[in-house]
């Protein structure tokens, strides 16, 4: 497995190279986004570990560019940018995970392994099948949801929104905890401290699919437990 670390801090590059090398990766490093793009033209990394704050071209823009040329690679952000908004932005533009500095080596390894497992499952048991529950049909490959009840209106989703909505729809009627949703989408949950991310995405999904986001019909909150998709709204 090939890994490319992109960070303008040589010490971080050295540390992450050692960690991933010990896990069996063949590791290359780059100090800028431009250098990373040049390396990736000649190599086909299976994994990118990217810092956000870099000179000239930041990690977010690098991720956008890589997603056009390396659609199947796993991309993990490793950055000091800890704001929830930054994490959501990173996931929205195509990253598979987002880990903040300072970090524990064991957690980085666990996150990388989880992301690689998700990629392998996607290859052999992809999300590709559409899902229909109640009045909604989720068209996975098109990244859109259709409201059959509302004249077939369509709404575009981000990849992360799609994965979250699909998880809820296939478990329609069942309550899913925030930890369970984190685990099913990103491969970790209990004790991660990232449950707020689920709340942010639920709010965003409600704005897209609910007639009145303040009184949701599809995405119901279950106080103290989590969320469930209500499929009782007939098509």
Protein backbone atom coordinates (compact mmCIF):
# COMPACT_ATOMS: atom_id res chain seq x y z
CA UNK A 1 0.00 0.00 0.00
CA UNK A 2 1.29 3.44 -0.98
CA UNK A 3 0.82 6.48 1.28
CA UNK A 4 1.58 10.16 0.64
CA UNK A 5 1.92 12.53 3.60
CA UNK A 6 1.43 16.22 2.79
CA UNK A 7 2.51 18.62 5.54
CA UNK A 8 4.83 21.63 5.64
CA UNK A 9 6.10 20.56 9.07
CA UNK A 10 9.06 18.18 8.56
CA UNK A 11 8.73 16.74 12.07
CA UNK A 12 5.09 15.78 11.47
CA UNK A 13 6.03 14.20 8.15
CA UNK A 14 8.82 12.23 9.83
CA UNK A 15 6.57 11.02 12.66
CA UNK A 16 3.65 10.00 10.43
CA UNK A 17 6.02 8.34 7.97
CA UNK A 18 7.42 6.23 10.82
CA UNK A 19 3.92 5.35 12.11
CA UNK A 20 2.56 4.31 8.72
CA UNK A 21 5.78 2.62 7.68
CA UNK A 22 5.51 0.47 10.78
CA UNK A 23 2.03 -0.55 9.54
CA UNK A 24 3.42 -1.75 6.23
CA UNK A 25 2.86 1.32 4.04
CA UNK A 26 5.42 2.53 1.54
CA UNK A 27 5.47 6.24 2.42
CA UNK A 28 6.36 9.35 0.44
CA UNK A 29 6.23 12.88 1.87
CA UNK A 30 5.57 16.31 0.35
CA UNK A 31 5.86 19.74 1.95
CA UNK A 32 3.38 21.57 -0.28
CA UNK A 33 0.21 20.85 -2.20
CA UNK A 34 2.03 21.51 -5.46
CA UNK A 35 4.68 18.94 -4.61
CA UNK A 36 1.96 16.46 -3.64
CA UNK A 37 0.19 16.91 -6.97
CA UNK A 38 3.47 16.35 -8.81
CA UNK A 39 4.16 13.16 -6.83
CA UNK A 40 0.63 11.88 -7.35
CA UNK A 41 0.96 12.23 -11.12
CA UNK A 42 3.69 9.59 -11.11
CA UNK A 43 2.36 7.44 -8.28
CA UNK A 44 -1.07 6.12 -7.37
CA UNK A 45 -1.20 6.45 -3.57
CA UNK A 46 -3.82 4.41 -1.79
CA UNK A 47 -3.78 6.85 1.12
CA UNK A 48 -3.23 10.60 1.49
CA UNK A 49 -2.65 12.16 4.93
CA UNK A 50 -3.01 15.91 4.48
CA UNK A 51 -2.55 19.00 6.62
CA UNK A 52 -5.04 21.83 6.10
CA UNK A 53 -2.87 24.87 6.78
CA UNK A 54 -0.21 25.00 4.09
CA UNK A 55 1.23 27.91 2.08
CA UNK A 56 -0.24 28.93 -1.30
CA UNK A 57 -2.61 25.99 -1.78
CA UNK A 58 -4.25 24.70 1.39
CA UNK A 59 -5.27 21.15 2.19
CA UNK A 60 -8.93 21.69 1.35
CA UNK A 61 -8.12 22.75 -2.21
CA UNK A 62 -5.65 19.89 -2.54
CA UNK A 63 -8.36 17.46 -1.49
CA UNK A 64 -10.74 18.88 -4.12
CA UNK A 65 -8.11 18.42 -6.84
CA UNK A 66 -7.20 14.93 -5.71
CA UNK A 67 -10.82 13.83 -5.77
CA UNK A 68 -10.92 14.53 -9.52
CA UNK A 69 -7.84 12.43 -10.30
CA UNK A 70 -7.69 9.90 -7.44
CA UNK A 71 -11.33 9.15 -6.78
CA UNK A 72 -10.60 5.79 -5.16
CA UNK A 73 -7.87 6.92 -2.76
CA UNK A 74 -8.46 7.32 0.96
CA UNK A 75 -7.92 10.89 2.17
CA UNK A 76 -7.43 11.70 5.87
CA UNK A 77 -6.90 15.22 7.16
CA UNK A 78 -4.40 15.57 10.01
CA UNK A 79 -4.42 19.19 11.14
CA UNK A 80 -4.40 21.64 14.03
CA UNK A 81 -7.66 23.12 12.72
CA UNK A 82 -10.04 21.71 15.33
CA UNK A 83 -13.18 23.80 14.65
CA UNK A 84 -16.32 21.80 13.95
CA UNK A 85 -16.93 23.88 10.82
CA UNK A 86 -13.52 22.91 9.43
CA UNK A 87 -14.15 19.25 10.11
CA UNK A 88 -17.51 19.36 8.33
CA UNK A 89 -15.96 21.26 5.41
CA UNK A 90 -13.20 18.68 5.08
CA UNK A 91 -15.63 15.77 5.04
CA UNK A 92 -17.91 17.56 2.60
CA UNK A 93 -15.22 18.07 -0.02
CA UNK A 94 -14.40 14.38 -0.03
CA UNK A 95 -12.14 13.47 2.88
CA UNK A 96 -12.72 10.10 4.49
CA UNK A 97 -11.76 11.29 7.95
CA UNK A 98 -10.50 14.31 9.87
CA UNK A 99 -8.11 14.02 12.82
CA UNK A 100 -6.76 16.94 14.83
CA UNK A 101 -3.30 17.63 16.22
CA UNK A 102 -1.90 16.81 18.70
CA UNK A 103 -2.79 13.20 18.02
CA UNK A 104 -2.09 9.79 19.46
CA UNK A 105 -0.28 7.48 17.03
CA UNK A 106 -2.64 4.63 17.91
CA UNK A 107 -5.66 6.76 17.01
CA UNK A 108 -4.16 7.73 13.66
CA UNK A 109 -3.53 4.07 12.87
CA UNK A 110 -7.07 3.13 13.93
CA UNK A 111 -8.62 5.89 11.81
CA UNK A 112 -6.54 4.98 8.77
CA UNK A 113 -7.39 1.29 9.09
CA UNK A 114 -11.08 2.08 9.48
CA UNK A 115 -11.03 4.31 6.39
CA UNK A 116 -9.22 1.64 4.37
CA UNK A 117 -11.77 -0.98 5.44
CA UNK A 118 -14.61 1.29 4.36
CA UNK A 119 -12.96 1.74 0.99
CA UNK A 120 -12.59 -2.00 0.53
CA UNK A 121 -16.26 -2.55 1.47
CA UNK A 122 -17.22 0.13 -1.00
CA UNK A 123 -15.35 -1.70 -3.75
CA UNK A 124 -16.96 -5.07 -3.17
CA UNK A 125 -20.27 -4.17 -1.53
CA UNK A 126 -20.83 -0.59 -2.71
CA UNK A 127 -23.41 1.87 -1.60
CA UNK A 128 -24.55 1.84 -5.22
CA UNK A 129 -28.03 0.41 -4.66
CA UNK A 130 -30.77 3.01 -4.33
CA UNK A 131 -32.89 3.07 -1.20
CA UNK A 132 -36.60 3.84 -0.93
CA UNK A 133 -38.31 4.49 2.39
CA UNK A 134 -41.71 6.09 2.70
CA UNK A 135 -41.96 9.12 0.45
CA UNK A 136 -38.24 9.38 -0.25
CA UNK A 137 -35.99 7.61 -2.73
CA UNK A 138 -32.25 8.00 -2.32
CA UNK A 139 -30.41 7.75 -5.64
CA UNK A 140 -26.93 7.01 -4.46
CA UNK A 141 -24.87 7.29 -7.64
CA UNK A 142 -26.53 10.62 -8.47
CA UNK A 143 -26.07 11.99 -4.94
CA UNK A 144 -29.68 13.09 -4.80
CA UNK A 145 -32.88 12.35 -2.92
CA UNK A 146 -36.29 12.38 -4.60
CA UNK A 147 -39.49 13.22 -2.74
CA UNK A 148 -42.05 11.03 -4.51
CA UNK A 149 -44.86 12.55 -2.48
CA UNK A 150 -43.92 16.10 -3.44
CA UNK A 151 -44.12 15.81 -7.22
CA UNK A 152 -40.76 14.11 -7.58
CA UNK A 153 -38.76 17.09 -6.33
CA UNK A 154 -35.03 16.41 -6.22
CA UNK A 155 -32.37 17.67 -3.84
CA UNK A 156 -28.61 17.28 -4.25
CA UNK A 157 -26.56 15.85 -1.38
CA UNK A 158 -22.90 15.84 -0.46
CA UNK A 159 -21.25 12.40 -0.19
CA UNK A 160 -21.32 12.52 3.60
CA UNK A 161 -24.98 13.60 3.67
CA UNK A 162 -25.77 10.73 1.34
CA UNK A 163 -24.06 8.16 3.55
CA UNK A 164 -25.77 9.44 6.68
CA UNK A 165 -29.23 9.56 5.10
CA UNK A 166 -28.77 6.10 3.58
CA UNK A 167 -27.82 4.64 6.96
CA UNK A 168 -30.95 6.10 8.51
CA UNK A 169 -33.22 5.07 5.64
CA UNK A 170 -32.11 1.43 5.57
CA UNK A 171 -32.86 1.33 9.31
CA UNK A 172 -36.17 3.18 8.98
CA UNK A 173 -38.21 3.06 12.16
CA UNK A 174 -35.23 2.15 14.32
CA UNK A 175 -33.42 4.57 16.61
CA UNK A 176 -29.71 4.96 15.87
CA UNK A 177 -27.42 6.58 18.40
CA UNK A 178 -24.92 9.22 17.37
CA UNK A 179 -22.11 6.80 18.15
CA UNK A 180 -23.70 4.13 15.95
CA UNK A 181 -23.99 6.61 13.08
CA UNK A 182 -20.38 7.72 13.50
CA UNK A 183 -19.26 4.10 13.54
CA UNK A 184 -21.24 3.10 10.46
CA UNK A 185 -20.11 6.10 8.40
CA UNK A 186 -16.57 6.78 9.59
CA UNK A 187 -15.68 3.59 11.42
CA UNK A 188 -15.48 4.94 14.96
CA UNK A 189 -17.99 6.08 17.51
CA UNK A 190 -17.97 5.47 21.23
CA UNK A 191 -15.69 7.89 23.05
CA UNK A 192 -14.57 9.71 19.91
CA UNK A 193 -15.98 13.05 21.09
CA UNK A 194 -17.23 13.81 17.58
CA UNK A 195 -20.96 13.26 18.09
CA UNK A 196 -21.64 16.94 17.36
CA UNK A 197 -20.76 16.26 13.74
CA UNK A 198 -23.87 14.07 13.43
CA UNK A 199 -26.06 16.88 14.81
CA UNK A 200 -24.64 19.30 12.24
CA UNK A 201 -25.34 16.94 9.36
CA UNK A 202 -28.85 16.17 10.62
CA UNK A 203 -29.63 19.91 10.64
CA UNK A 204 -28.30 20.26 7.13
CA UNK A 205 -30.29 17.28 5.88
CA UNK A 206 -33.45 18.62 7.47
CA UNK A 207 -33.01 21.91 5.62
CA UNK A 208 -32.83 19.95 2.37
CA UNK A 209 -35.54 17.31 2.75
CA UNK A 210 -38.03 18.61 5.32
CA UNK A 211 -40.89 20.93 4.40
CA UNK A 212 -40.42 22.61 7.80
CA UNK A 213 -36.99 21.83 9.29
CA UNK A 214 -38.15 23.03 12.71
CA UNK A 215 -40.89 20.36 12.68
CA UNK A 216 -39.21 17.41 10.93
CA UNK A 217 -41.31 14.58 9.56
CA UNK A 218 -38.57 12.34 8.17
CA UNK A 219 -35.58 12.78 10.49
CA UNK A 220 -36.90 12.47 14.01
CA UNK A 221 -34.91 13.19 17.18
CA UNK A 222 -35.32 10.70 19.98
CA UNK A 223 -34.32 12.53 23.13
CA UNK A 224 -31.40 10.95 24.91
CA UNK A 225 -31.06 8.23 22.26
CA UNK A 226 -30.33 9.57 18.77
CA UNK A 227 -32.23 9.75 15.51
CA UNK A 228 -34.56 7.65 13.40
CA UNK A 229 -35.99 7.89 9.91
CA UNK A 230 -39.78 7.95 9.81
CA UNK A 231 -41.00 5.95 6.82
CA UNK A 232 -44.66 6.21 7.87
CA UNK A 233 -45.20 9.13 5.48
CA UNK A 234 -46.62 7.12 2.62
CA UNK A 235 -45.57 7.67 -0.96
